[in-house]
Amino acid sequence: MDLKTITANELMEKLEAGEKLELVDVREDEEVAAGMVPEAKHIRMGDIPANLDYFDKEKEYIFICRSGSRSANVCYYLHEQGYNVTNMVSGMLTWEGKTR
């Protein structure tokens, strides 16, 4: 299956245009403490299976990690469960927008 992807710049443009997006950062606590996309919800990769009830199959979710590989793994997993997912390729390494 081909994963849907978005770049950090494309995501920033969508947020700046006022689009309401469902963003999920799957990095570990100490990584997120260094800064995450302000609109993102933090659910660690290892906690995703226990949090499936958070996700709605009617919505699209964009997953974020440091470099894009963990978020890709989460996307494959959730796609198999029937969710609409997109991976932010190259992750926070290329994010130039605000962080919190």
Protein backbone atom coordinates (compact mmCIF):
# COMPACT_ATOMS: atom_id res chain seq x y z
CA MET A 1 0.00 0.00 0.00
CA ASP A 2 1.17 3.53 -0.69
CA LEU A 3 1.00 5.73 2.37
CA LYS A 4 -0.41 9.21 1.96
CA THR A 5 2.28 11.71 2.89
CA ILE A 6 2.62 15.41 3.59
CA THR A 7 5.77 17.49 3.99
CA ALA A 8 6.43 19.79 6.93
CA ASN A 9 6.09 22.81 4.62
CA GLU A 10 2.77 21.58 3.19
CA LEU A 11 1.48 21.04 6.71
CA MET A 12 2.61 24.50 7.80
CA GLU A 13 0.80 26.05 4.80
CA LYS A 14 -2.42 24.22 5.69
CA LEU A 15 -2.24 25.36 9.32
CA GLU A 16 -1.45 28.94 8.30
CA ALA A 17 -4.48 28.85 5.98
CA GLY A 18 -6.60 27.99 9.02
CA GLU A 19 -7.34 24.36 8.14
CA LYS A 20 -8.50 22.27 11.09
CA LEU A 21 -6.32 19.17 11.07
CA GLU A 22 -6.04 16.15 13.35
CA LEU A 23 -2.33 15.94 14.18
CA VAL A 24 -0.78 13.26 16.38
CA ASP A 25 2.84 13.32 17.56
CA VAL A 26 4.03 9.77 18.33
CA ARG A 27 7.46 10.61 19.77
CA GLU A 28 8.59 9.88 23.32
CA ASP A 29 7.94 12.33 26.18
CA GLU A 30 11.48 13.72 26.28
CA GLU A 31 11.42 14.40 22.51
CA VAL A 32 8.10 16.23 22.72
CA ALA A 33 9.41 18.28 25.65
CA ALA A 34 11.92 19.83 23.21
CA GLY A 35 8.99 21.14 21.14
CA MET A 36 6.07 19.89 19.11
CA VAL A 37 3.63 21.33 16.57
CA PRO A 38 1.24 23.40 18.74
CA GLU A 39 -1.93 21.84 17.26
CA ALA A 40 -0.74 18.25 17.73
CA LYS A 41 -1.97 15.76 20.31
CA HIS A 42 0.76 13.64 21.91
CA ILE A 43 0.20 9.86 21.93
CA ARG A 44 3.43 7.85 22.13
CA MET A 45 3.89 5.24 19.40
CA GLY A 46 3.77 2.43 21.98
CA ASP A 47 0.48 3.77 23.35
CA ILE A 48 -1.36 3.90 20.00
CA PRO A 49 -2.92 0.39 20.24
CA ALA A 50 -4.36 1.19 23.69
CA ASN A 51 -5.79 4.50 22.38
CA LEU A 52 -7.70 3.30 19.30
CA ASP A 53 -10.92 4.65 20.80
CA TYR A 54 -9.49 8.17 20.39
CA PHE A 55 -9.50 7.80 16.60
CA ASP A 56 -12.56 8.28 14.41
CA LYS A 57 -12.67 6.42 11.08
CA GLU A 58 -14.50 9.41 9.56
CA LYS A 59 -11.54 11.76 10.15
CA GLU A 60 -8.08 12.00 8.62
CA TYR A 61 -5.10 11.98 10.98
CA ILE A 62 -1.61 13.27 10.24
CA PHE A 63 1.14 11.51 12.20
CA ILE A 64 4.41 13.15 13.19
CA CYS A 65 7.67 11.86 14.69
CA ARG A 66 11.31 12.95 14.58
CA SER A 67 12.23 11.74 11.09
CA GLY A 68 9.06 10.20 9.65
CA SER A 69 9.82 6.50 10.15
CA ARG A 70 7.99 5.82 13.43
CA SER A 71 4.99 7.81 12.23
CA ALA A 72 5.03 5.74 9.01
CA ASN A 73 4.88 2.55 11.10
CA VAL A 74 1.91 3.95 13.03
CA CYS A 75 0.23 4.87 9.73
CA TYR A 76 0.63 1.34 8.35
CA TYR A 77 -0.77 -0.11 11.57
CA LEU A 78 -3.80 2.22 11.69
CA HIS A 79 -4.44 1.92 7.95
CA GLU A 80 -4.77 -1.86 8.46
CA GLN A 81 -7.41 -1.13 11.12
CA GLY A 82 -9.37 0.96 8.60
CA TYR A 83 -8.31 4.49 9.59
CA ASN A 84 -7.60 7.43 7.24
CA VAL A 85 -3.96 8.33 7.90
CA THR A 86 -1.21 10.52 6.46
CA ASN A 87 2.49 10.52 7.39
CA MET A 88 4.50 13.72 7.76
CA VAL A 89 7.65 12.67 5.90
CA SER A 90 11.00 13.76 7.33
CA GLY A 91 9.23 14.65 10.58
CA MET A 92 10.20 17.35 13.05
CA LEU A 93 13.72 17.45 11.59
CA THR A 94 12.30 19.64 8.82
CA TRP A 95 9.63 21.52 10.80
CA GLU A 96 10.29 25.26 10.72
CA GLY A 97 7.02 26.44 12.22
CA LYS A 98 6.15 27.30 15.80
CA THR A 99 6.50 24.71 18.54
CA ARG A 100 5.20 24.51 22.06
